[in-house]
Amino acid sequence: MHQPKTPAISGEEKQSKSERLEARLTFEQKELLQWAADLEGRSLTDFVVSHAQSAALRTIENRTIIKLDREDSIAFVESLLNPPDLEDDDPLARAIARYQESQEIS
């Protein structure tokens, strides 16, 4: 999965812009975008790139950050503070033992 560096979202970009993005639009779509860009006093390109970047960052955040409600947060912390007893043949118990052994070697 491609995970590019998160670009700066505030201020003007100082680096040169060498990449290109093209899109096919209907006349109505372009007119709508141009109208919105005019209302913000921006070029069409600046408007589209800025809003596409904001939408991309929101999408990435929504798909990669897990948000828990209060009840789930309490249950999560409780399980970390008081983990359940594991049987010796439990895969998690074996993984923990392997990890602890690797730390002793280092």
PDB file of N, CA and C in Angstrom:
ATOM      1  N   MET A   1       0.845  -1.175   0.000  1.00  0.00           N
ATOM      2  CA  MET A   1       0.000   0.000   0.000  1.00  0.00           C
ATOM      3  C   MET A   1       0.887   1.233   0.000  1.00  0.00           C
ATOM      4  N   HIS A   2       0.575   2.188  -0.824  1.00  0.00           N
ATOM      5  CA  HIS A   2       1.383   3.392  -0.962  1.00  0.00           C
ATOM      6  C   HIS A   2       1.041   4.357   0.158  1.00  0.00           C
ATOM      7  N   GLN A   3       2.041   4.748   0.939  1.00  0.00           N
ATOM      8  CA  GLN A   3       1.830   5.724   1.993  1.00  0.00           C
ATOM      9  C   GLN A   3       2.840   6.848   1.824  1.00  0.00           C
ATOM     10  N   PRO A   4       2.465   7.884   1.064  1.00  0.00           N
ATOM     11  CA  PRO A   4       3.394   8.993   0.867  1.00  0.00           C
ATOM     12  C   PRO A   4       3.551   9.800   2.144  1.00  0.00           C
ATOM     13  N   LYS A   5       4.602  10.593   2.196  1.00  0.00           N
ATOM     14  CA  LYS A   5       4.786  11.494   3.321  1.00  0.00           C
ATOM     15  C   LYS A   5       3.594  12.427   3.367  1.00  0.00           C
ATOM     16  N   THR A   6       3.127  12.742   4.571  1.00  0.00           N
ATOM     17  CA  THR A   6       2.022  13.671   4.711  1.00  0.00           C
ATOM     18  C   THR A   6       2.534  15.067   4.395  1.00  0.00           C
ATOM     19  N   PRO A   7       1.966  15.716   3.381  1.00  0.00           N
ATOM     20  CA  PRO A   7       2.446  17.035   2.999  1.00  0.00           C
ATOM     21  C   PRO A   7       2.019  18.090   4.011  1.00  0.00           C
ATOM     22  N   ALA A   8       2.755  19.183   4.042  1.00  0.00           N
ATOM     23  CA  ALA A   8       2.391  20.296   4.906  1.00  0.00           C
ATOM     24  C   ALA A   8       1.050  20.833   4.430  1.00  0.00           C
ATOM     25  N   ILE A   9       0.194  21.171   5.363  1.00  0.00           N
ATOM     26  CA  ILE A   9      -1.120  21.655   4.965  1.00  0.00           C
ATOM     27  C   ILE A   9      -1.320  23.128   5.294  1.00  0.00           C
ATOM     28  N   SER A  10      -0.345  23.756   5.960  1.00  0.00           N
ATOM     29  CA  SER A  10      -0.491  25.170   6.248  1.00  0.00           C
ATOM     30  C   SER A  10       0.600  25.950   5.527  1.00  0.00           C
ATOM     31  N   GLY A  11       0.291  27.172   5.137  1.00  0.00           N
ATOM     32  CA  GLY A  11       1.272  28.007   4.455  1.00  0.00           C
ATOM     33  C   GLY A  11       1.452  27.596   3.010  1.00  0.00           C
ATOM     34  N   GLU A  12       2.184  28.395   2.292  1.00  0.00           N
ATOM     35  CA  GLU A  12       2.462  28.093   0.894  1.00  0.00           C
ATOM     36  C   GLU A  12       3.582  27.069   0.795  1.00  0.00           C
ATOM     37  N   GLU A  13       3.482  26.171  -0.153  1.00  0.00           N
ATOM     38  CA  GLU A  13       4.529  25.182  -0.359  1.00  0.00           C
ATOM     39  C   GLU A  13       5.751  25.860  -0.947  1.00  0.00           C
ATOM     40  N   LYS A  14       6.917  25.552  -0.405  1.00  0.00           N
ATOM     41  CA  LYS A  14       8.167  26.143  -0.872  1.00  0.00           C
ATOM     42  C   LYS A  14       8.804  25.310  -1.977  1.00  0.00           C
ATOM     43  N   GLN A  15       8.455  24.042  -2.082  1.00  0.00           N
ATOM     44  CA  GLN A  15       9.079  23.185  -3.070  1.00  0.00           C
ATOM     45  C   GLN A  15       8.450  23.387  -4.442  1.00  0.00           C
ATOM     46  N   SER A  16       9.230  23.101  -5.468  1.00  0.00           N
ATOM     47  CA  SER A  16       8.706  23.273  -6.816  1.00  0.00           C
ATOM     48  C   SER A  16       7.665  22.205  -7.092  1.00  0.00           C
ATOM     49  N   LYS A  17       6.737  22.554  -7.923  1.00  0.00           N
ATOM     50  CA  LYS A  17       5.651  21.640  -8.263  1.00  0.00           C
ATOM     51  C   LYS A  17       5.959  21.005  -9.600  1.00  0.00           C
ATOM     52  N   SER A  18       6.351  19.734  -9.565  1.00  0.00           N
ATOM     53  CA  SER A  18       6.744  19.069 -10.797  1.00  0.00           C
ATOM     54  C   SER A  18       5.751  17.996 -11.234  1.00  0.00           C
ATOM     55  N   GLU A  19       4.807  17.668 -10.377  1.00  0.00           N
ATOM     56  CA  GLU A  19       3.828  16.627 -10.716  1.00  0.00           C
ATOM     57  C   GLU A  19       2.594  17.253 -11.341  1.00  0.00           C
ATOM     58  N   ARG A  20       1.930  16.465 -12.156  1.00  0.00           N
ATOM     59  CA  ARG A  20       0.770  16.963 -12.885  1.00  0.00           C
ATOM     60  C   ARG A  20      -0.412  16.023 -12.650  1.00  0.00           C
ATOM     61  N   LEU A  21      -1.603  16.595 -12.579  1.00  0.00           N
ATOM     62  CA  LEU A  21      -2.831  15.830 -12.432  1.00  0.00           C
ATOM     63  C   LEU A  21      -3.838  16.391 -13.423  1.00  0.00           C
ATOM     64  N   GLU A  22      -4.433  15.512 -14.189  1.00  0.00           N
ATOM     65  CA  GLU A  22      -5.430  15.952 -15.157  1.00  0.00           C
ATOM     66  C   GLU A  22      -6.749  15.268 -14.847  1.00  0.00           C
ATOM     67  N   ALA A  23      -7.845  15.955 -15.156  1.00  0.00           N
ATOM     68  CA  ALA A  23      -9.171  15.391 -14.919  1.00  0.00           C
ATOM     69  C   ALA A  23     -10.116  15.844 -16.029  1.00  0.00           C
ATOM     70  N   ARG A  24     -10.990  14.961 -16.429  1.00  0.00           N
ATOM     71  CA  ARG A  24     -12.032  15.284 -17.398  1.00  0.00           C
ATOM     72  C   ARG A  24     -13.280  15.672 -16.626  1.00  0.00           C
ATOM     73  N   LEU A  25     -13.859  16.815 -16.949  1.00  0.00           N
ATOM     74  CA  LEU A  25     -15.043  17.317 -16.265  1.00  0.00           C
ATOM     75  C   LEU A  25     -16.137  17.639 -17.264  1.00  0.00           C
ATOM     76  N   THR A  26     -17.351  17.653 -16.769  1.00  0.00           N
ATOM     77  CA  THR A  26     -18.432  18.179 -17.599  1.00  0.00           C
ATOM     78  C   THR A  26     -18.345  19.701 -17.549  1.00  0.00           C
ATOM     79  N   PHE A  27     -19.004  20.351 -18.457  1.00  0.00           N
ATOM     80  CA  PHE A  27     -19.043  21.808 -18.469  1.00  0.00           C
ATOM     81  C   PHE A  27     -19.595  22.322 -17.140  1.00  0.00           C
ATOM     82  N   GLU A  28     -20.655  21.676 -16.659  1.00  0.00           N
ATOM     83  CA  GLU A  28     -21.299  22.100 -15.414  1.00  0.00           C
ATOM     84  C   GLU A  28     -20.363  21.944 -14.214  1.00  0.00           C
ATOM     85  N   GLN A  29     -19.612  20.858 -14.175  1.00  0.00           N
ATOM     86  CA  GLN A  29     -18.670  20.657 -13.074  1.00  0.00           C
ATOM     87  C   GLN A  29     -17.602  21.743 -13.067  1.00  0.00           C
ATOM     88  N   LYS A  30     -17.065  22.044 -14.241  1.00  0.00           N
ATOM     89  CA  LYS A  30     -16.020  23.062 -14.308  1.00  0.00           C
ATOM     90  C   LYS A  30     -16.576  24.429 -13.925  1.00  0.00           C
ATOM     91  N   GLU A  31     -17.757  24.756 -14.391  1.00  0.00           N
ATOM     92  CA  GLU A  31     -18.376  26.030 -14.035  1.00  0.00           C
ATOM     93  C   GLU A  31     -18.606  26.131 -12.523  1.00  0.00           C
ATOM     94  N   LEU A  32     -19.058  25.051 -11.916  1.00  0.00           N
ATOM     95  CA  LEU A  32     -19.286  25.036 -10.473  1.00  0.00           C
ATOM     96  C   LEU A  32     -17.986  25.266  -9.714  1.00  0.00           C
ATOM     97  N   LEU A  33     -16.935  24.539 -10.107  1.00  0.00           N
ATOM     98  CA  LEU A  33     -15.634  24.691  -9.451  1.00  0.00           C
ATOM     99  C   LEU A  33     -15.074  26.091  -9.670  1.00  0.00           C
ATOM    100  N   GLN A  34     -15.240  26.629 -10.861  1.00  0.00           N
ATOM    101  CA  GLN A  34     -14.740  27.976 -11.140  1.00  0.00           C
ATOM    102  C   GLN A  34     -15.477  29.008 -10.302  1.00  0.00           C
ATOM    103  N   TRP A  35     -16.778  28.841 -10.161  1.00  0.00           N
ATOM    104  CA  TRP A  35     -17.586  29.757  -9.356  1.00  0.00           C
ATOM    105  C   TRP A  35     -17.096  29.744  -7.907  1.00  0.00           C
ATOM    106  N   ALA A  36     -16.893  28.543  -7.364  1.00  0.00           N
ATOM    107  CA  ALA A  36     -16.409  28.421  -5.985  1.00  0.00           C
ATOM    108  C   ALA A  36     -15.019  29.034  -5.844  1.00  0.00           C
ATOM    109  N   ALA A  37     -14.143  28.799  -6.815  1.00  0.00           N
ATOM    110  CA  ALA A  37     -12.795  29.374  -6.780  1.00  0.00           C
ATOM    111  C   ALA A  37     -12.872  30.898  -6.820  1.00  0.00           C
ATOM    112  N   ASP A  38     -13.741  31.432  -7.665  1.00  0.00           N
ATOM    113  CA  ASP A  38     -13.914  32.889  -7.751  1.00  0.00           C
ATOM    114  C   ASP A  38     -14.398  33.460  -6.424  1.00  0.00           C
ATOM    115  N   LEU A  39     -15.322  32.757  -5.774  1.00  0.00           N
ATOM    116  CA  LEU A  39     -15.827  33.231  -4.483  1.00  0.00           C
ATOM    117  C   LEU A  39     -14.727  33.291  -3.424  1.00  0.00           C
ATOM    118  N   GLU A  40     -13.739  32.411  -3.534  1.00  0.00           N
ATOM    119  CA  GLU A  40     -12.622  32.408  -2.592  1.00  0.00           C
ATOM    120  C   GLU A  40     -11.458  33.260  -3.083  1.00  0.00           C
ATOM    121  N   GLY A  41     -11.578  33.821  -4.277  1.00  0.00           N
ATOM    122  CA  GLY A  41     -10.511  34.652  -4.813  1.00  0.00           C
ATOM    123  C   GLY A  41      -9.265  33.862  -5.165  1.00  0.00           C
ATOM    124  N   ARG A  42      -9.449  32.635  -5.623  1.00  0.00           N
ATOM    125  CA  ARG A  42      -8.326  31.761  -5.958  1.00  0.00           C
ATOM    126  C   ARG A  42      -8.430  31.328  -7.401  1.00  0.00           C
ATOM    127  N   SER A  43      -7.307  30.848  -7.909  1.00  0.00           N
ATOM    128  CA  SER A  43      -7.344  30.261  -9.248  1.00  0.00           C
ATOM    129  C   SER A  43      -8.074  28.922  -9.156  1.00  0.00           C
ATOM    130  N   LEU A  44      -8.574  28.474 -10.282  1.00  0.00           N
ATOM    131  CA  LEU A  44      -9.264  27.185 -10.310  1.00  0.00           C
ATOM    132  C   LEU A  44      -8.322  26.069  -9.866  1.00  0.00           C
ATOM    133  N   THR A  45      -7.088  26.082 -10.370  1.00  0.00           N
ATOM    134  CA  THR A  45      -6.119  25.050  -9.997  1.00  0.00           C
ATOM    135  C   THR A  45      -5.848  25.061  -8.500  1.00  0.00           C
ATOM    136  N   ASP A  46      -5.598  26.251  -7.940  1.00  0.00           N
ATOM    137  CA  ASP A  46      -5.317  26.356  -6.512  1.00  0.00           C
ATOM    138  C   ASP A  46      -6.506  25.857  -5.693  1.00  0.00           C
ATOM    139  N   PHE A  47      -7.715  26.246  -6.108  1.00  0.00           N
ATOM    140  CA  PHE A  47      -8.918  25.818  -5.400  1.00  0.00           C
ATOM    141  C   PHE A  47      -9.060  24.297  -5.410  1.00  0.00           C
ATOM    142  N   VAL A  48      -8.935  23.699  -6.592  1.00  0.00           N
ATOM    143  CA  VAL A  48      -9.119  22.249  -6.725  1.00  0.00           C
ATOM    144  C   VAL A  48      -8.044  21.487  -5.950  1.00  0.00           C
ATOM    145  N   VAL A  49      -6.789  21.884  -6.098  1.00  0.00           N
ATOM    146  CA  VAL A  49      -5.697  21.185  -5.407  1.00  0.00           C
ATOM    147  C   VAL A  49      -5.851  21.310  -3.902  1.00  0.00           C
ATOM    148  N   SER A  50      -6.147  22.499  -3.414  1.00  0.00           N
ATOM    149  CA  SER A  50      -6.296  22.722  -1.975  1.00  0.00           C
ATOM    150  C   SER A  50      -7.425  21.876  -1.388  1.00  0.00           C
ATOM    151  N   HIS A  51      -8.575  21.876  -2.047  1.00  0.00           N
ATOM    152  CA  HIS A  51      -9.708  21.113  -1.537  1.00  0.00           C
ATOM    153  C   HIS A  51      -9.515  19.609  -1.710  1.00  0.00           C
ATOM    154  N   ALA A  52      -8.853  19.199  -2.762  1.00  0.00           N
ATOM    155  CA  ALA A  52      -8.569  17.771  -2.941  1.00  0.00           C
ATOM    156  C   ALA A  52      -7.600  17.298  -1.869  1.00  0.00           C
ATOM    157  N   GLN A  53      -6.601  18.124  -1.540  1.00  0.00           N
ATOM    158  CA  GLN A  53      -5.643  17.765  -0.503  1.00  0.00           C
ATOM    159  C   GLN A  53      -6.352  17.656   0.853  1.00  0.00           C
ATOM    160  N   SER A  54      -7.218  18.597   1.171  1.00  0.00           N
ATOM    161  CA  SER A  54      -7.963  18.546   2.427  1.00  0.00           C
ATOM    162  C   SER A  54      -8.837  17.295   2.497  1.00  0.00           C
ATOM    163  N   ALA A  55      -9.500  16.982   1.403  1.00  0.00           N
ATOM    164  CA  ALA A  55     -10.346  15.786   1.363  1.00  0.00           C
ATOM    165  C   ALA A  55      -9.514  14.522   1.516  1.00  0.00           C
ATOM    166  N   ALA A  56      -8.339  14.498   0.908  1.00  0.00           N
ATOM    167  CA  ALA A  56      -7.457  13.332   1.016  1.00  0.00           C
ATOM    168  C   ALA A  56      -7.005  13.137   2.459  1.00  0.00           C
ATOM    169  N   LEU A  57      -6.616  14.215   3.115  1.00  0.00           N
ATOM    170  CA  LEU A  57      -6.178  14.107   4.516  1.00  0.00           C
ATOM    171  C   LEU A  57      -7.317  13.641   5.423  1.00  0.00           C
ATOM    172  N   ARG A  58      -8.530  14.158   5.196  1.00  0.00           N
ATOM    173  CA  ARG A  58      -9.698  13.714   5.979  1.00  0.00           C
ATOM    174  C   ARG A  58      -9.964  12.229   5.758  1.00  0.00           C
ATOM    175  N   THR A  59      -9.887  11.785   4.516  1.00  0.00           N
ATOM    176  CA  THR A  59     -10.118  10.377   4.197  1.00  0.00           C
ATOM    177  C   THR A  59      -9.088   9.496   4.881  1.00  0.00           C
ATOM    178  N   ILE A  60      -7.824   9.882   4.807  1.00  0.00           N
ATOM    179  CA  ILE A  60      -6.754   9.108   5.443  1.00  0.00           C
ATOM    180  C   ILE A  60      -6.980   9.044   6.952  1.00  0.00           C
ATOM    181  N   GLU A  61      -7.319  10.172   7.547  1.00  0.00           N
ATOM    182  CA  GLU A  61      -7.576  10.195   9.000  1.00  0.00           C
ATOM    183  C   GLU A  61      -8.764   9.302   9.356  1.00  0.00           C
ATOM    184  N   ASN A  62      -9.832   9.409   8.595  1.00  0.00           N
ATOM    185  CA  ASN A  62     -11.030   8.613   8.888  1.00  0.00           C
ATOM    186  C   ASN A  62     -10.797   7.119   8.731  1.00  0.00           C
ATOM    187  N   ARG A  63      -9.877   6.731   7.848  1.00  0.00           N
ATOM    188  CA  ARG A  63      -9.629   5.316   7.591  1.00  0.00           C
ATOM    189  C   ARG A  63      -8.491   4.736   8.419  1.00  0.00           C
ATOM    190  N   THR A  64      -7.695   5.584   9.090  1.00  0.00           N
ATOM    191  CA  THR A  64      -6.531   5.060   9.803  1.00  0.00           C
ATOM    192  C   THR A  64      -6.545   5.306  11.305  1.00  0.00           C
ATOM    193  N   ILE A  65      -7.394   6.186  11.790  1.00  0.00           N
ATOM    194  CA  ILE A  65      -7.453   6.476  13.227  1.00  0.00           C
ATOM    195  C   ILE A  65      -8.671   5.783  13.815  1.00  0.00           C
ATOM    196  N   ILE A  66      -8.429   5.034  14.869  1.00  0.00           N
ATOM    197  CA  ILE A  66      -9.518   4.335  15.551  1.00  0.00           C
ATOM    198  C   ILE A  66     -10.005   5.229  16.685  1.00  0.00           C
ATOM    199  N   LYS A  67     -11.277   5.527  16.675  1.00  0.00           N
ATOM    200  CA  LYS A  67     -11.858   6.363  17.722  1.00  0.00           C
ATOM    201  C   LYS A  67     -12.796   5.491  18.553  1.00  0.00           C
ATOM    202  N   LEU A  68     -12.578   5.529  19.860  1.00  0.00           N
ATOM    203  CA  LEU A  68     -13.386   4.733  20.769  1.00  0.00           C
ATOM    204  C   LEU A  68     -14.289   5.637  21.597  1.00  0.00           C
ATOM    205  N   ASP A  69     -15.496   5.146  21.884  1.00  0.00           N
ATOM    206  CA  ASP A  69     -16.338   5.905  22.801  1.00  0.00           C
ATOM    207  C   ASP A  69     -15.821   5.681  24.225  1.00  0.00           C
ATOM    208  N   ARG A  70     -16.412   6.342  25.189  1.00  0.00           N
ATOM    209  CA  ARG A  70     -15.931   6.287  26.573  1.00  0.00           C
ATOM    210  C   ARG A  70     -15.906   4.859  27.109  1.00  0.00           C
ATOM    211  N   GLU A  71     -16.975   4.121  26.870  1.00  0.00           N
ATOM    212  CA  GLU A  71     -17.077   2.746  27.385  1.00  0.00           C
ATOM    213  C   GLU A  71     -15.988   1.843  26.786  1.00  0.00           C
ATOM    214  N   ASP A  72     -15.786   1.943  25.472  1.00  0.00           N
ATOM    215  CA  ASP A  72     -14.756   1.134  24.822  1.00  0.00           C
ATOM    216  C   ASP A  72     -13.354   1.555  25.254  1.00  0.00           C
ATOM    217  N   SER A  73     -13.148   2.852  25.470  1.00  0.00           N
ATOM    218  CA  SER A  73     -11.848   3.338  25.941  1.00  0.00           C
ATOM    219  C   SER A  73     -11.520   2.767  27.314  1.00  0.00           C
ATOM    220  N   ILE A  74     -12.503   2.747  28.197  1.00  0.00           N
ATOM    221  CA  ILE A  74     -12.304   2.201  29.552  1.00  0.00           C
ATOM    222  C   ILE A  74     -11.989   0.714  29.467  1.00  0.00           C
ATOM    223  N   ALA A  75     -12.735  -0.018  28.644  1.00  0.00           N
ATOM    224  CA  ALA A  75     -12.499  -1.464  28.496  1.00  0.00           C
ATOM    225  C   ALA A  75     -11.102  -1.725  27.934  1.00  0.00           C
ATOM    226  N   PHE A  76     -10.655  -0.917  26.977  1.00  0.00           N
ATOM    227  CA  PHE A  76      -9.331  -1.082  26.384  1.00  0.00           C
ATOM    228  C   PHE A  76      -8.237  -0.860  27.426  1.00  0.00           C
ATOM    229  N   VAL A  77      -8.329   0.236  28.163  1.00  0.00           N
ATOM    230  CA  VAL A  77      -7.327   0.536  29.190  1.00  0.00           C
ATOM    231  C   VAL A  77      -7.347  -0.533  30.274  1.00  0.00           C
ATOM    232  N   GLU A  78      -8.521  -0.976  30.652  1.00  0.00           N
ATOM    233  CA  GLU A  78      -8.635  -2.027  31.678  1.00  0.00           C
ATOM    234  C   GLU A  78      -7.939  -3.308  31.222  1.00  0.00           C
ATOM    235  N   SER A  79      -8.098  -3.659  29.946  1.00  0.00           N
ATOM    236  CA  SER A  79      -7.458  -4.878  29.446  1.00  0.00           C
ATOM    237  C   SER A  79      -5.938  -4.727  29.390  1.00  0.00           C
ATOM    238  N   LEU A  80      -5.458  -3.506  29.190  1.00  0.00           N
ATOM    239  CA  LEU A  80      -4.016  -3.272  29.213  1.00  0.00           C
ATOM    240  C   LEU A  80      -3.465  -3.337  30.636  1.00  0.00           C
ATOM    241  N   LEU A  81      -4.192  -2.755  31.572  1.00  0.00           N
ATOM    242  CA  LEU A  81      -3.738  -2.728  32.967  1.00  0.00           C
ATOM    243  C   LEU A  81      -3.892  -4.078  33.653  1.00  0.00           C
ATOM    244  N   ASN A  82      -4.915  -4.809  33.271  1.00  0.00           N
ATOM    245  CA  ASN A  82      -5.194  -6.110  33.885  1.00  0.00           C
ATOM    246  C   ASN A  82      -5.447  -7.147  32.794  1.00  0.00           C
ATOM    247  N   PRO A  83      -4.390  -7.580  32.117  1.00  0.00           N
ATOM    248  CA  PRO A  83      -4.597  -8.541  31.025  1.00  0.00           C
ATOM    249  C   PRO A  83      -5.110  -9.873  31.561  1.00  0.00           C
ATOM    250  N   PRO A  84      -5.857 -10.584  30.736  1.00  0.00           N
ATOM    251  CA  PRO A  84      -6.377 -11.885  31.172  1.00  0.00           C
ATOM    252  C   PRO A  84      -5.231 -12.891  31.316  1.00  0.00           C
ATOM    253  N   ASP A  85      -5.438 -13.887  32.192  1.00  0.00           N
ATOM    254  CA  ASP A  85      -4.459 -14.963  32.316  1.00  0.00           C
ATOM    255  C   ASP A  85      -4.504 -15.791  31.037  1.00  0.00           C
ATOM    256  N   LEU A  86      -3.324 -16.097  30.521  1.00  0.00           N
ATOM    257  CA  LEU A  86      -3.238 -16.852  29.273  1.00  0.00           C
ATOM    258  C   LEU A  86      -2.731 -18.259  29.560  1.00  0.00           C
ATOM    259  N   GLU A  87      -3.267 -19.215  28.844  1.00  0.00           N
ATOM    260  CA  GLU A  87      -2.777 -20.591  28.927  1.00  0.00           C
ATOM    261  C   GLU A  87      -1.422 -20.655  28.222  1.00  0.00           C
ATOM    262  N   ASP A  88      -0.570 -21.585  28.627  1.00  0.00           N
ATOM    263  CA  ASP A  88       0.759 -21.699  28.033  1.00  0.00           C
ATOM    264  C   ASP A  88       0.715 -21.984  26.534  1.00  0.00           C
ATOM    265  N   ASP A  89      -0.347 -22.642  26.063  1.00  0.00           N
ATOM    266  CA  ASP A  89      -0.415 -22.971  24.641  1.00  0.00           C
ATOM    267  C   ASP A  89      -1.136 -21.886  23.828  1.00  0.00           C
ATOM    268  N   ASP A  90      -1.496 -20.801  24.461  1.00  0.00           N
ATOM    269  CA  ASP A  90      -2.163 -19.702  23.773  1.00  0.00           C
ATOM    270  C   ASP A  90      -1.150 -19.012  22.847  1.00  0.00           C
ATOM    271  N   PRO A  91      -1.530 -18.724  21.585  1.00  0.00           N
ATOM    272  CA  PRO A  91      -0.594 -18.084  20.651  1.00  0.00           C
ATOM    273  C   PRO A  91      -0.056 -16.741  21.166  1.00  0.00           C
ATOM    274  N   LEU A  92      -0.905 -15.978  21.844  1.00  0.00           N
ATOM    275  CA  LEU A  92      -0.451 -14.700  22.377  1.00  0.00           C
ATOM    276  C   LEU A  92       0.578 -14.924  23.487  1.00  0.00           C
ATOM    277  N   ALA A  93       0.353 -15.913  24.335  1.00  0.00           N
ATOM    278  CA  ALA A  93       1.305 -16.216  25.407  1.00  0.00           C
ATOM    279  C   ALA A  93       2.647 -16.638  24.814  1.00  0.00           C
ATOM    280  N   ARG A  94       2.615 -17.440  23.752  1.00  0.00           N
ATOM    281  CA  ARG A  94       3.872 -17.854  23.107  1.00  0.00           C
ATOM    282  C   ARG A  94       4.596 -16.656  22.490  1.00  0.00           C
ATOM    283  N   ALA A  95       3.837 -15.751  21.885  1.00  0.00           N
ATOM    284  CA  ALA A  95       4.443 -14.560  21.283  1.00  0.00           C
ATOM    285  C   ALA A  95       5.076 -13.678  22.355  1.00  0.00           C
ATOM    286  N   ILE A  96       4.406 -13.517  23.463  1.00  0.00           N
ATOM    287  CA  ILE A  96       4.946 -12.722  24.565  1.00  0.00           C
ATOM    288  C   ILE A  96       6.224 -13.363  25.089  1.00  0.00           C
ATOM    289  N   ALA A  97       6.213 -14.673  25.254  1.00  0.00           N
ATOM    290  CA  ALA A  97       7.403 -15.376  25.756  1.00  0.00           C
ATOM    291  C   ALA A  97       8.572 -15.206  24.784  1.00  0.00           C
ATOM    292  N   ARG A  98       8.303 -15.330  23.474  1.00  0.00           N
ATOM    293  CA  ARG A  98       9.364 -15.145  22.481  1.00  0.00           C
ATOM    294  C   ARG A  98       9.931 -13.724  22.558  1.00  0.00           C
ATOM    295  N   TYR A  99       9.047 -12.752  22.700  1.00  0.00           N
ATOM    296  CA  TYR A  99       9.490 -11.374  22.784  1.00  0.00           C
ATOM    297  C   TYR A  99      10.356 -11.165  24.029  1.00  0.00           C
ATOM    298  N   GLN A 100       9.890 -11.673  25.152  1.00  0.00           N
ATOM    299  CA  GLN A 100      10.664 -11.509  26.399  1.00  0.00           C
ATOM    300  C   GLN A 100      12.035 -12.188  26.287  1.00  0.00           C
ATOM    301  N   GLU A 101      12.080 -13.360  25.665  1.00  0.00           N
ATOM    302  CA  GLU A 101      13.363 -14.051  25.470  1.00  0.00           C
ATOM    303  C   GLU A 101      14.295 -13.228  24.572  1.00  0.00           C
ATOM    304  N   SER A 102      13.756 -12.622  23.530  1.00  0.00           N
ATOM    305  CA  SER A 102      14.593 -11.828  22.619  1.00  0.00           C
ATOM    306  C   SER A 102      15.134 -10.601  23.327  1.00  0.00           C
ATOM    307  N   GLN A 103      14.406 -10.061  24.284  1.00  0.00           N
ATOM    308  CA  GLN A 103      14.873  -8.900  25.035  1.00  0.00           C
ATOM    309  C   GLN A 103      15.980  -9.262  26.010  1.00  0.00           C
ATOM    310  N   GLU A 104      15.951 -10.486  26.529  1.00  0.00           N
ATOM    311  CA  GLU A 104      16.972 -10.935  27.452  1.00  0.00           C
ATOM    312  C   GLU A 104      18.298 -11.146  26.723  1.00  0.00           C
ATOM    313  N   ILE A 105      18.231 -11.535  25.457  1.00  0.00           N
ATOM    314  CA  ILE A 105      19.433 -11.795  24.663  1.00  0.00           C
ATOM    315  C   ILE A 105      20.135 -10.475  24.329  1.00  0.00           C
ATOM    316  N   SER A 106      19.368  -9.446  24.067  1.00  0.00           N
ATOM    317  CA  SER A 106      19.938  -8.147  23.649  1.00  0.00           C
ATOM    318  C   SER A 106      20.761  -7.494  24.718  1.00  0.00           C
TER     319      SER A 106
END
